[in-house]
Amino acid sequence: MEYLEKCTSFEGETDYDICSIFILEKASDIERLNLDLQTGKFIPGYTAFATDGGNELYAFDKNGNIWLIPMIALSIVDATFVAHSWDEFILHIINTAQQGDAPEPASPAR
């Protein structure tokens, strides 16, 4: 996964002028996060790797696409597609911070 390859560059909370706040889990903590959230039960096929600092989490699907999923319902039904790749995800974060809400890329089939 691109995230695991690049996580040493992005690991931890970010609050830069060009980024909105999001909290990336350490690679070593991803399994524990997913066990604690019971993602295998509520959103099977998705792996959570970060939160938005609030009530939503970022998760990869089995194809590497990135989704923003509300933690309250923890259901893919209410998820918002974010990016097709890690690099696109970073651009989304930057664009969202700079332009308010960035236009969403075309969503893949779930």
PDB file of N, CA and C in Angstrom:
ATOM      1  N   MET A   1       0.836  -1.185   0.000  1.00  0.00           N
ATOM      2  CA  MET A   1       0.000   0.000   0.000  1.00  0.00           C
ATOM      3  C   MET A   1       0.876   1.242   0.000  1.00  0.00           C
ATOM      4  N   GLU A   2       0.440   2.242  -0.744  1.00  0.00           N
ATOM      5  CA  GLU A   2       1.172   3.501  -0.771  1.00  0.00           C
ATOM      6  C   GLU A   2       1.288   4.098   0.624  1.00  0.00           C
ATOM      7  N   TYR A   3       0.223   3.987   1.419  1.00  0.00           N
ATOM      8  CA  TYR A   3       0.251   4.559   2.761  1.00  0.00           C
ATOM      9  C   TYR A   3       1.398   3.980   3.583  1.00  0.00           C
ATOM     10  N   LEU A   4       1.531   2.665   3.569  1.00  0.00           N
ATOM     11  CA  LEU A   4       2.593   2.036   4.353  1.00  0.00           C
ATOM     12  C   LEU A   4       3.975   2.432   3.838  1.00  0.00           C
ATOM     13  N   GLU A   5       4.095   2.636   2.531  1.00  0.00           N
ATOM     14  CA  GLU A   5       5.371   3.063   1.970  1.00  0.00           C
ATOM     15  C   GLU A   5       5.706   4.493   2.369  1.00  0.00           C
ATOM     16  N   LYS A   6       4.693   5.329   2.526  1.00  0.00           N
ATOM     17  CA  LYS A   6       4.921   6.751   2.763  1.00  0.00           C
ATOM     18  C   LYS A   6       4.613   7.192   4.191  1.00  0.00           C
ATOM     19  N   CYS A   7       4.146   6.281   5.037  1.00  0.00           N
ATOM     20  CA  CYS A   7       3.668   6.704   6.347  1.00  0.00           C
ATOM     21  C   CYS A   7       4.741   7.339   7.207  1.00  0.00           C
ATOM     22  N   THR A   8       5.995   7.013   6.993  1.00  0.00           N
ATOM     23  CA  THR A   8       7.025   7.660   7.798  1.00  0.00           C
ATOM     24  C   THR A   8       7.095   9.147   7.504  1.00  0.00           C
ATOM     25  N   SER A   9       6.634   9.562   6.337  1.00  0.00           N
ATOM     26  CA  SER A   9       6.618  10.982   6.000  1.00  0.00           C
ATOM     27  C   SER A   9       5.388  11.692   6.554  1.00  0.00           C
ATOM     28  N   PHE A  10       4.296  10.954   6.756  1.00  0.00           N
ATOM     29  CA  PHE A  10       3.032  11.582   7.112  1.00  0.00           C
ATOM     30  C   PHE A  10       2.487  11.129   8.469  1.00  0.00           C
ATOM     31  N   GLU A  11       3.201  10.305   9.179  1.00  0.00           N
ATOM     32  CA  GLU A  11       2.676   9.702  10.399  1.00  0.00           C
ATOM     33  C   GLU A  11       2.379  10.747  11.460  1.00  0.00           C
ATOM     34  N   GLY A  12       1.237  10.627  12.111  1.00  0.00           N
ATOM     35  CA  GLY A  12       0.875  11.503  13.210  1.00  0.00           C
ATOM     36  C   GLY A  12      -0.093  12.585  12.781  1.00  0.00           C
ATOM     37  N   GLU A  13      -0.464  13.418  13.725  1.00  0.00           N
ATOM     38  CA  GLU A  13      -1.428  14.480  13.460  1.00  0.00           C
ATOM     39  C   GLU A  13      -0.807  15.564  12.591  1.00  0.00           C
ATOM     40  N   THR A  14      -1.617  16.099  11.694  1.00  0.00           N
ATOM     41  CA  THR A  14      -1.152  17.197  10.859  1.00  0.00           C
ATOM     42  C   THR A  14      -2.059  18.401  11.068  1.00  0.00           C
ATOM     43  N   ASP A  15      -1.487  19.557  11.029  1.00  0.00           N
ATOM     44  CA  ASP A  15      -2.242  20.803  11.140  1.00  0.00           C
ATOM     45  C   ASP A  15      -1.426  21.889  10.450  1.00  0.00           C
ATOM     46  N   TYR A  16      -1.121  21.656   9.192  1.00  0.00           N
ATOM     47  CA  TYR A  16      -0.322  22.581   8.420  1.00  0.00           C
ATOM     48  C   TYR A  16      -1.216  23.604   7.745  1.00  0.00           C
ATOM     49  N   ASP A  17      -0.649  24.708   7.308  1.00  0.00           N
ATOM     50  CA  ASP A  17      -1.419  25.729   6.609  1.00  0.00           C
ATOM     51  C   ASP A  17      -2.079  25.173   5.356  1.00  0.00           C
ATOM     52  N   ILE A  18      -1.467  24.180   4.723  1.00  0.00           N
ATOM     53  CA  ILE A  18      -2.012  23.648   3.475  1.00  0.00           C
ATOM     54  C   ILE A  18      -2.870  22.409   3.679  1.00  0.00           C
ATOM     55  N   CYS A  19      -3.080  21.975   4.900  1.00  0.00           N
ATOM     56  CA  CYS A  19      -3.825  20.738   5.138  1.00  0.00           C
ATOM     57  C   CYS A  19      -4.900  20.957   6.181  1.00  0.00           C
ATOM     58  N   SER A  20      -6.016  20.257   6.017  1.00  0.00           N
ATOM     59  CA  SER A  20      -6.985  20.204   7.092  1.00  0.00           C
ATOM     60  C   SER A  20      -6.475  19.182   8.107  1.00  0.00           C
ATOM     61  N   ILE A  21      -7.031  19.194   9.277  1.00  0.00           N
ATOM     62  CA  ILE A  21      -6.539  18.297  10.318  1.00  0.00           C
ATOM     63  C   ILE A  21      -6.987  16.871  10.032  1.00  0.00           C
ATOM     64  N   PHE A  22      -6.055  15.961  10.107  1.00  0.00           N
ATOM     65  CA  PHE A  22      -6.372  14.543  10.091  1.00  0.00           C
ATOM     66  C   PHE A  22      -5.290  13.831  10.871  1.00  0.00           C
ATOM     67  N   ILE A  23      -5.666  12.749  11.521  1.00  0.00           N
ATOM     68  CA  ILE A  23      -4.754  12.023  12.392  1.00  0.00           C
ATOM     69  C   ILE A  23      -4.478  10.666  11.776  1.00  0.00           C
ATOM     70  N   LEU A  24      -3.249  10.483  11.345  1.00  0.00           N
ATOM     71  CA  LEU A  24      -2.842   9.224  10.724  1.00  0.00           C
ATOM     72  C   LEU A  24      -2.340   8.275  11.799  1.00  0.00           C
ATOM     73  N   GLU A  25      -2.810   7.058  11.750  1.00  0.00           N
ATOM     74  CA  GLU A  25      -2.338   6.045  12.687  1.00  0.00           C
ATOM     75  C   GLU A  25      -0.952   5.572  12.285  1.00  0.00           C
ATOM     76  N   LYS A  26      -0.146   5.252  13.269  1.00  0.00           N
ATOM     77  CA  LYS A  26       1.141   4.621  12.980  1.00  0.00           C
ATOM     78  C   LYS A  26       0.852   3.277  12.332  1.00  0.00           C
ATOM     79  N   ALA A  27       1.696   2.869  11.413  1.00  0.00           N
ATOM     80  CA  ALA A  27       1.503   1.584  10.732  1.00  0.00           C
ATOM     81  C   ALA A  27       1.333   0.454  11.740  1.00  0.00           C
ATOM     82  N   SER A  28       2.081   0.518  12.836  1.00  0.00           N
ATOM     83  CA  SER A  28       2.015  -0.532  13.849  1.00  0.00           C
ATOM     84  C   SER A  28       0.698  -0.520  14.639  1.00  0.00           C
ATOM     85  N   ASP A  29      -0.083   0.571  14.542  1.00  0.00           N
ATOM     86  CA  ASP A  29      -1.342   0.686  15.285  1.00  0.00           C
ATOM     87  C   ASP A  29      -2.590   0.447  14.434  1.00  0.00           C
ATOM     88  N   ILE A  30      -2.409   0.273  13.128  1.00  0.00           N
ATOM     89  CA  ILE A  30      -3.561   0.129  12.238  1.00  0.00           C
ATOM     90  C   ILE A  30      -4.388  -1.113  12.573  1.00  0.00           C
ATOM     91  N   GLU A  31      -3.727  -2.223  12.828  1.00  0.00           N
ATOM     92  CA  GLU A  31      -4.468  -3.447  13.153  1.00  0.00           C
ATOM     93  C   GLU A  31      -5.291  -3.257  14.425  1.00  0.00           C
ATOM     94  N   ARG A  32      -4.705  -2.631  15.447  1.00  0.00           N
ATOM     95  CA  ARG A  32      -5.412  -2.409  16.712  1.00  0.00           C
ATOM     96  C   ARG A  32      -6.600  -1.474  16.494  1.00  0.00           C
ATOM     97  N   LEU A  33      -6.425  -0.416  15.714  1.00  0.00           N
ATOM     98  CA  LEU A  33      -7.517   0.515  15.419  1.00  0.00           C
ATOM     99  C   LEU A  33      -8.692  -0.231  14.796  1.00  0.00           C
ATOM    100  N   ASN A  34      -8.399  -1.080  13.818  1.00  0.00           N
ATOM    101  CA  ASN A  34      -9.457  -1.812  13.127  1.00  0.00           C
ATOM    102  C   ASN A  34     -10.118  -2.848  14.020  1.00  0.00           C
ATOM    103  N   LEU A  35      -9.357  -3.468  14.900  1.00  0.00           N
ATOM    104  CA  LEU A  35      -9.955  -4.396  15.866  1.00  0.00           C
ATOM    105  C   LEU A  35     -10.857  -3.641  16.836  1.00  0.00           C
ATOM    106  N   ASP A  36     -10.376  -2.501  17.343  1.00  0.00           N
ATOM    107  CA  ASP A  36     -11.166  -1.710  18.290  1.00  0.00           C
ATOM    108  C   ASP A  36     -12.466  -1.204  17.665  1.00  0.00           C
ATOM    109  N   LEU A  37     -12.410  -0.785  16.417  1.00  0.00           N
ATOM    110  CA  LEU A  37     -13.588  -0.262  15.725  1.00  0.00           C
ATOM    111  C   LEU A  37     -14.466  -1.360  15.132  1.00  0.00           C
ATOM    112  N   GLN A  38     -13.977  -2.596  15.158  1.00  0.00           N
ATOM    113  CA  GLN A  38     -14.686  -3.738  14.591  1.00  0.00           C
ATOM    114  C   GLN A  38     -15.032  -3.504  13.120  1.00  0.00           C
ATOM    115  N   THR A  39     -14.049  -2.997  12.374  1.00  0.00           N
ATOM    116  CA  THR A  39     -14.289  -2.737  10.958  1.00  0.00           C
ATOM    117  C   THR A  39     -14.623  -4.013  10.195  1.00  0.00           C
ATOM    118  N   GLY A  40     -14.050  -5.132  10.600  1.00  0.00           N
ATOM    119  CA  GLY A  40     -14.356  -6.404   9.938  1.00  0.00           C
ATOM    120  C   GLY A  40     -15.825  -6.770  10.039  1.00  0.00           C
ATOM    121  N   LYS A  41     -16.472  -6.344  11.108  1.00  0.00           N
ATOM    122  CA  LYS A  41     -17.896  -6.619  11.313  1.00  0.00           C
ATOM    123  C   LYS A  41     -18.776  -5.579  10.619  1.00  0.00           C
ATOM    124  N   PHE A  42     -18.439  -4.297  10.784  1.00  0.00           N
ATOM    125  CA  PHE A  42     -19.307  -3.224  10.307  1.00  0.00           C
ATOM    126  C   PHE A  42     -19.021  -2.761   8.885  1.00  0.00           C
ATOM    127  N   ILE A  43     -17.759  -2.786   8.484  1.00  0.00           N
ATOM    128  CA  ILE A  43     -17.395  -2.375   7.121  1.00  0.00           C
ATOM    129  C   ILE A  43     -16.369  -3.370   6.564  1.00  0.00           C
ATOM    130  N   PRO A  44     -16.782  -4.618   6.376  1.00  0.00           N
ATOM    131  CA  PRO A  44     -15.843  -5.643   5.899  1.00  0.00           C
ATOM    132  C   PRO A  44     -15.228  -5.243   4.558  1.00  0.00           C
ATOM    133  N   GLY A  45     -13.945  -5.523   4.411  1.00  0.00           N
ATOM    134  CA  GLY A  45     -13.241  -5.182   3.188  1.00  0.00           C
ATOM    135  C   GLY A  45     -12.600  -3.806   3.223  1.00  0.00           C
ATOM    136  N   TYR A  46     -12.775  -3.080   4.322  1.00  0.00           N
ATOM    137  CA  TYR A  46     -12.211  -1.742   4.482  1.00  0.00           C
ATOM    138  C   TYR A  46     -11.215  -1.744   5.637  1.00  0.00           C
ATOM    139  N   THR A  47     -10.146  -0.972   5.486  1.00  0.00           N
ATOM    140  CA  THR A  47      -9.124  -0.862   6.525  1.00  0.00           C
ATOM    141  C   THR A  47      -8.971   0.606   6.907  1.00  0.00           C
ATOM    142  N   ALA A  48      -9.345   0.933   8.134  1.00  0.00           N
ATOM    143  CA  ALA A  48      -9.207   2.296   8.630  1.00  0.00           C
ATOM    144  C   ALA A  48      -7.738   2.599   8.872  1.00  0.00           C
ATOM    145  N   PHE A  49      -7.319   3.832   8.529  1.00  0.00           N
ATOM    146  CA  PHE A  49      -5.925   4.219   8.742  1.00  0.00           C
ATOM    147  C   PHE A  49      -5.772   5.608   9.342  1.00  0.00           C
ATOM    148  N   ALA A  50      -6.868   6.373   9.454  1.00  0.00           N
ATOM    149  CA  ALA A  50      -6.786   7.739   9.980  1.00  0.00           C
ATOM    150  C   ALA A  50      -8.178   8.209  10.374  1.00  0.00           C
ATOM    151  N   THR A  51      -8.224   9.301  11.138  1.00  0.00           N
ATOM    152  CA  THR A  51      -9.487   9.970  11.421  1.00  0.00           C
ATOM    153  C   THR A  51      -9.362  11.420  10.964  1.00  0.00           C
ATOM    154  N   ASP A  52     -10.509  12.087  10.908  1.00  0.00           N
ATOM    155  CA  ASP A  52     -10.497  13.498  10.532  1.00  0.00           C
ATOM    156  C   ASP A  52     -10.359  14.392  11.758  1.00  0.00           C
ATOM    157  N   GLY A  53     -10.046  13.794  12.900  1.00  0.00           N
ATOM    158  CA  GLY A  53      -9.961  14.549  14.143  1.00  0.00           C
ATOM    159  C   GLY A  53     -11.320  14.740  14.786  1.00  0.00           C
ATOM    160  N   GLY A  54     -12.349  14.190  14.159  1.00  0.00           N
ATOM    161  CA  GLY A  54     -13.712  14.320  14.667  1.00  0.00           C
ATOM    162  C   GLY A  54     -14.407  12.989  14.679  1.00  0.00           C
ATOM    163  N   ASN A  55     -15.509  12.916  13.980  1.00  0.00           N
ATOM    164  CA  ASN A  55     -16.349  11.720  14.019  1.00  0.00           C
ATOM    165  C   ASN A  55     -16.298  10.879  12.756  1.00  0.00           C
ATOM    166  N   GLU A  56     -15.277  11.075  11.931  1.00  0.00           N
ATOM    167  CA  GLU A  56     -15.177  10.288  10.709  1.00  0.00           C
ATOM    168  C   GLU A  56     -13.788   9.681  10.588  1.00  0.00           C
ATOM    169  N   LEU A  57     -13.725   8.556   9.893  1.00  0.00           N
ATOM    170  CA  LEU A  57     -12.437   7.920   9.690  1.00  0.00           C
ATOM    171  C   LEU A  57     -12.182   7.722   8.207  1.00  0.00           C
ATOM    172  N   TYR A  58     -10.909   7.692   7.858  1.00  0.00           N
ATOM    173  CA  TYR A  58     -10.486   7.402   6.495  1.00  0.00           C
ATOM    174  C   TYR A  58     -10.153   5.919   6.423  1.00  0.00           C
ATOM    175  N   ALA A  59     -10.604   5.267   5.352  1.00  0.00           N
ATOM    176  CA  ALA A  59     -10.357   3.837   5.202  1.00  0.00           C
ATOM    177  C   ALA A  59     -10.097   3.502   3.742  1.00  0.00           C
ATOM    178  N   PHE A  60      -9.221   2.524   3.546  1.00  0.00           N
ATOM    179  CA  PHE A  60      -8.970   1.971   2.219  1.00  0.00           C
ATOM    180  C   PHE A  60      -9.976   0.866   1.962  1.00  0.00           C
ATOM    181  N   ASP A  61     -10.456   0.753   0.717  1.00  0.00           N
ATOM    182  CA  ASP A  61     -11.196  -0.439   0.345  1.00  0.00           C
ATOM    183  C   ASP A  61     -10.199  -1.445  -0.215  1.00  0.00           C
ATOM    184  N   LYS A  62     -10.676  -2.605  -0.634  1.00  0.00           N
ATOM    185  CA  LYS A  62      -9.759  -3.661  -1.087  1.00  0.00           C
ATOM    186  C   LYS A  62      -9.022  -3.289  -2.363  1.00  0.00           C
ATOM    187  N   ASN A  63      -9.494  -2.247  -3.078  1.00  0.00           N
ATOM    188  CA  ASN A  63      -8.834  -1.796  -4.303  1.00  0.00           C
ATOM    189  C   ASN A  63      -7.893  -0.620  -4.074  1.00  0.00           C
ATOM    190  N   GLY A  64      -7.758  -0.187  -2.817  1.00  0.00           N
ATOM    191  CA  GLY A  64      -6.874   0.934  -2.503  1.00  0.00           C
ATOM    192  C   GLY A  64      -7.537   2.294  -2.596  1.00  0.00           C
ATOM    193  N   ASN A  65      -8.844   2.336  -2.917  1.00  0.00           N
ATOM    194  CA  ASN A  65      -9.576   3.600  -2.909  1.00  0.00           C
ATOM    195  C   ASN A  65      -9.750   4.053  -1.470  1.00  0.00           C
ATOM    196  N   ILE A  66      -9.886   5.347  -1.264  1.00  0.00           N
ATOM    197  CA  ILE A  66      -9.994   5.893   0.081  1.00  0.00           C
ATOM    198  C   ILE A  66     -11.379   6.501   0.266  1.00  0.00           C
ATOM    199  N   TRP A  67     -11.987   6.169   1.405  1.00  0.00           N
ATOM    200  CA  TRP A  67     -13.338   6.605   1.746  1.00  0.00           C
ATOM    201  C   TRP A  67     -13.308   7.315   3.096  1.00  0.00           C
ATOM    202  N   LEU A  68     -14.210   8.270   3.275  1.00  0.00           N
ATOM    203  CA  LEU A  68     -14.431   8.928   4.557  1.00  0.00           C
ATOM    204  C   LEU A  68     -15.726   8.366   5.114  1.00  0.00           C
ATOM    205  N   ILE A  69     -15.651   7.717   6.274  1.00  0.00           N
ATOM    206  CA  ILE A  69     -16.780   6.965   6.818  1.00  0.00           C
ATOM    207  C   ILE A  69     -17.154   7.507   8.191  1.00  0.00           C
ATOM    208  N   PRO A  70     -18.445   7.860   8.394  1.00  0.00           N
ATOM    209  CA  PRO A  70     -18.874   8.311   9.717  1.00  0.00           C
ATOM    210  C   PRO A  70     -18.701   7.188  10.739  1.00  0.00           C
ATOM    211  N   MET A  71     -18.122   7.505  11.896  1.00  0.00           N
ATOM    212  CA  MET A  71     -17.911   6.484  12.925  1.00  0.00           C
ATOM    213  C   MET A  71     -19.179   6.190  13.707  1.00  0.00           C
ATOM    214  N   ILE A  72     -20.124   7.101  13.719  1.00  0.00           N
ATOM    215  CA  ILE A  72     -21.335   6.886  14.503  1.00  0.00           C
ATOM    216  C   ILE A  72     -22.112   5.697  13.959  1.00  0.00           C
ATOM    217  N   ALA A  73     -22.384   5.675  12.673  1.00  0.00           N
ATOM    218  CA  ALA A  73     -23.105   4.550  12.073  1.00  0.00           C
ATOM    219  C   ALA A  73     -22.144   3.446  11.633  1.00  0.00           C
ATOM    220  N   LEU A  74     -20.913   3.804  11.347  1.00  0.00           N
ATOM    221  CA  LEU A  74     -19.883   2.904  10.823  1.00  0.00           C
ATOM    222  C   LEU A  74     -20.462   1.980   9.761  1.00  0.00           C
ATOM    223  N   SER A  75     -20.961   2.630   8.717  1.00  0.00           N
ATOM    224  CA  SER A  75     -21.571   1.919   7.607  1.00  0.00           C
ATOM    225  C   SER A  75     -21.058   2.500   6.299  1.00  0.00           C
ATOM    226  N   ILE A  76     -20.743   1.652   5.355  1.00  0.00           N
ATOM    227  CA  ILE A  76     -20.266   2.114   4.055  1.00  0.00           C
ATOM    228  C   ILE A  76     -21.380   2.823   3.287  1.00  0.00           C
ATOM    229  N   VAL A  77     -22.624   2.605   3.671  1.00  0.00           N
ATOM    230  CA  VAL A  77     -23.755   3.257   3.013  1.00  0.00           C
ATOM    231  C   VAL A  77     -23.630   4.778   3.098  1.00  0.00           C
ATOM    232  N   ASP A  78     -23.136   5.281   4.217  1.00  0.00           N
ATOM    233  CA  ASP A  78     -23.007   6.719   4.432  1.00  0.00           C
ATOM    234  C   ASP A  78     -21.614   7.247   4.114  1.00  0.00           C
ATOM    235  N   ALA A  79     -20.760   6.416   3.540  1.00  0.00           N
ATOM    236  CA  ALA A  79     -19.388   6.817   3.252  1.00  0.00           C
ATOM    237  C   ALA A  79     -19.318   7.769   2.062  1.00  0.00           C
ATOM    238  N   THR A  80     -18.297   8.614   2.078  1.00  0.00           N
ATOM    239  CA  THR A  80     -18.024   9.533   0.979  1.00  0.00           C
ATOM    240  C   THR A  80     -16.726   9.105   0.312  1.00  0.00           C
ATOM    241  N   PHE A  81     -16.760   8.905  -0.996  1.00  0.00           N
ATOM    242  CA  PHE A  81     -15.543   8.557  -1.714  1.00  0.00           C
ATOM    243  C   PHE A  81     -14.612   9.752  -1.689  1.00  0.00           C
ATOM    244  N   VAL A  82     -13.309   9.497  -1.440  1.00  0.00           N
ATOM    245  CA  VAL A  82     -12.325  10.572  -1.325  1.00  0.00           C
ATOM    246  C   VAL A  82     -11.278  10.511  -2.428  1.00  0.00           C
ATOM    247  N   ALA A  83     -10.689   9.339  -2.676  1.00  0.00           N
ATOM    248  CA  ALA A  83      -9.567   9.284  -3.613  1.00  0.00           C
ATOM    249  C   ALA A  83      -9.349   7.871  -4.135  1.00  0.00           C
ATOM    250  N   HIS A  84      -8.716   7.797  -5.304  1.00  0.00           N
ATOM    251  CA  HIS A  84      -8.344   6.520  -5.912  1.00  0.00           C
ATOM    252  C   HIS A  84      -6.969   6.046  -5.456  1.00  0.00           C
ATOM    253  N   SER A  85      -6.172   6.933  -4.845  1.00  0.00           N
ATOM    254  CA  SER A  85      -4.800   6.575  -4.450  1.00  0.00           C
ATOM    255  C   SER A  85      -4.345   7.475  -3.308  1.00  0.00           C
ATOM    256  N   TRP A  86      -3.197   7.112  -2.728  1.00  0.00           N
ATOM    257  CA  TRP A  86      -2.632   7.911  -1.642  1.00  0.00           C
ATOM    258  C   TRP A  86      -2.288   9.320  -2.127  1.00  0.00           C
ATOM    259  N   ASP A  87      -1.666   9.442  -3.285  1.00  0.00           N
ATOM    260  CA  ASP A  87      -1.295  10.761  -3.804  1.00  0.00           C
ATOM    261  C   ASP A  87      -2.533  11.615  -4.057  1.00  0.00           C
ATOM    262  N   GLU A  88      -3.581  11.007  -4.582  1.00  0.00           N
ATOM    263  CA  GLU A  88      -4.834  11.728  -4.802  1.00  0.00           C
ATOM    264  C   GLU A  88      -5.455  12.138  -3.468  1.00  0.00           C
ATOM    265  N   PHE A  89      -5.302  11.300  -2.444  1.00  0.00           N
ATOM    266  CA  PHE A  89      -5.793  11.621  -1.113  1.00  0.00           C
ATOM    267  C   PHE A  89      -5.103  12.867  -0.568  1.00  0.00           C
ATOM    268  N   ILE A  90      -3.784  12.930  -0.687  1.00  0.00           N
ATOM    269  CA  ILE A  90      -3.042  14.098  -0.202  1.00  0.00           C
ATOM    270  C   ILE A  90      -3.497  15.353  -0.944  1.00  0.00           C
ATOM    271  N   LEU A  91      -3.690  15.252  -2.253  1.00  0.00           N
ATOM    272  CA  LEU A  91      -4.189  16.398  -3.016  1.00  0.00           C
ATOM    273  C   LEU A  91      -5.585  16.803  -2.546  1.00  0.00           C
ATOM    274  N   HIS A  92      -6.418  15.818  -2.225  1.00  0.00           N
ATOM    275  CA  HIS A  92      -7.755  16.109  -1.705  1.00  0.00           C
ATOM    276  C   HIS A  92      -7.662  16.902  -0.399  1.00  0.00           C
ATOM    277  N   ILE A  93      -6.805  16.476   0.504  1.00  0.00           N
ATOM    278  CA  ILE A  93      -6.648  17.173   1.786  1.00  0.00           C
ATOM    279  C   ILE A  93      -6.191  18.609   1.547  1.00  0.00           C
ATOM    280  N   ILE A  94      -5.207  18.793   0.692  1.00  0.00           N
ATOM    281  CA  ILE A  94      -4.689  20.132   0.397  1.00  0.00           C
ATOM    282  C   ILE A  94      -5.763  20.990  -0.267  1.00  0.00           C
ATOM    283  N   ASN A  95      -6.441  20.437  -1.278  1.00  0.00           N
ATOM    284  CA  ASN A  95      -7.478  21.202  -1.980  1.00  0.00           C
ATOM    285  C   ASN A  95      -8.643  21.558  -1.079  1.00  0.00           C
ATOM    286  N   THR A  96      -9.026  20.640  -0.200  1.00  0.00           N
ATOM    287  CA  THR A  96     -10.122  20.906   0.721  1.00  0.00           C
ATOM    288  C   THR A  96      -9.771  22.076   1.624  1.00  0.00           C
ATOM    289  N   ALA A  97      -8.549  22.106   2.125  1.00  0.00           N
ATOM    290  CA  ALA A  97      -8.119  23.179   3.007  1.00  0.00           C
ATOM    291  C   ALA A  97      -8.042  24.510   2.270  1.00  0.00           C
ATOM    292  N   GLN A  98      -7.595  24.494   1.028  1.00  0.00           N
ATOM    293  CA  GLN A  98      -7.403  25.722   0.274  1.00  0.00           C
ATOM    294  C   GLN A  98      -8.690  26.261  -0.343  1.00  0.00           C
ATOM    295  N   GLN A  99      -9.606  25.368  -0.723  1.00  0.00           N
ATOM    296  CA  GLN A  99     -10.783  25.794  -1.463  1.00  0.00           C
ATOM    297  C   GLN A  99     -12.092  25.537  -0.743  1.00  0.00           C
ATOM    298  N   GLY A 100     -12.042  25.178   0.497  1.00  0.00           N
ATOM    299  CA  GLY A 100     -13.267  24.765   1.162  1.00  0.00           C
ATOM    300  C   GLY A 100     -13.494  23.315   0.836  1.00  0.00           C
ATOM    301  N   ASP A 101     -14.568  23.003   0.175  1.00  0.00           N
ATOM    302  CA  ASP A 101     -14.844  21.621  -0.230  1.00  0.00           C
ATOM    303  C   ASP A 101     -14.368  21.413  -1.656  1.00  0.00           C
ATOM    304  N   ALA A 102     -13.385  20.560  -1.823  1.00  0.00           N
ATOM    305  CA  ALA A 102     -12.859  20.246  -3.157  1.00  0.00           C
ATOM    306  C   ALA A 102     -13.841  19.364  -3.897  1.00  0.00           C
ATOM    307  N   PRO A 103     -13.915  19.471  -5.223  1.00  0.00           N
ATOM    308  CA  PRO A 103     -14.794  18.567  -5.967  1.00  0.00           C
ATOM    309  C   PRO A 103     -14.334  17.126  -5.784  1.00  0.00           C
ATOM    310  N   GLU A 104     -15.289  16.240  -5.630  1.00  0.00           N
ATOM    311  CA  GLU A 104     -14.975  14.831  -5.413  1.00  0.00           C
ATOM    312  C   GLU A 104     -14.683  14.139  -6.731  1.00  0.00           C
ATOM    313  N   PRO A 105     -13.686  13.240  -6.752  1.00  0.00           N
ATOM    314  CA  PRO A 105     -13.444  12.452  -7.964  1.00  0.00           C
ATOM    315  C   PRO A 105     -14.585  11.459  -8.155  1.00  0.00           C
ATOM    316  N   ALA A 106     -14.688  10.933  -9.352  1.00  0.00           N
ATOM    317  CA  ALA A 106     -15.741   9.950  -9.646  1.00  0.00           C
ATOM    318  C   ALA A 106     -15.592   8.751  -8.718  1.00  0.00           C
ATOM    319  N   SER A 107     -16.670   8.364  -8.117  1.00  0.00           N
ATOM    320  CA  SER A 107     -16.665   7.267  -7.157  1.00  0.00           C
ATOM    321  C   SER A 107     -16.649   5.916  -7.863  1.00  0.00           C
ATOM    322  N   PRO A 108     -15.783   4.994  -7.407  1.00  0.00           N
ATOM    323  CA  PRO A 108     -15.788   3.642  -7.983  1.00  0.00           C
ATOM    324  C   PRO A 108     -16.984   2.859  -7.435  1.00  0.00           C
ATOM    325  N   ALA A 109     -17.289   1.759  -8.056  1.00  0.00           N
ATOM    326  CA  ALA A 109     -18.332   0.880  -7.564  1.00  0.00           C
ATOM    327  C   ALA A 109     -17.904   0.323  -6.220  1.00  0.00           C
ATOM    328  N   ARG A 110     -18.835   0.147  -5.319  1.00  0.00           N
ATOM    329  CA  ARG A 110     -18.518  -0.380  -3.988  1.00  0.00           C
ATOM    330  C   ARG A 110     -18.496  -1.866  -4.000  1.00  0.00           C
TER     331      ARG A 110
END
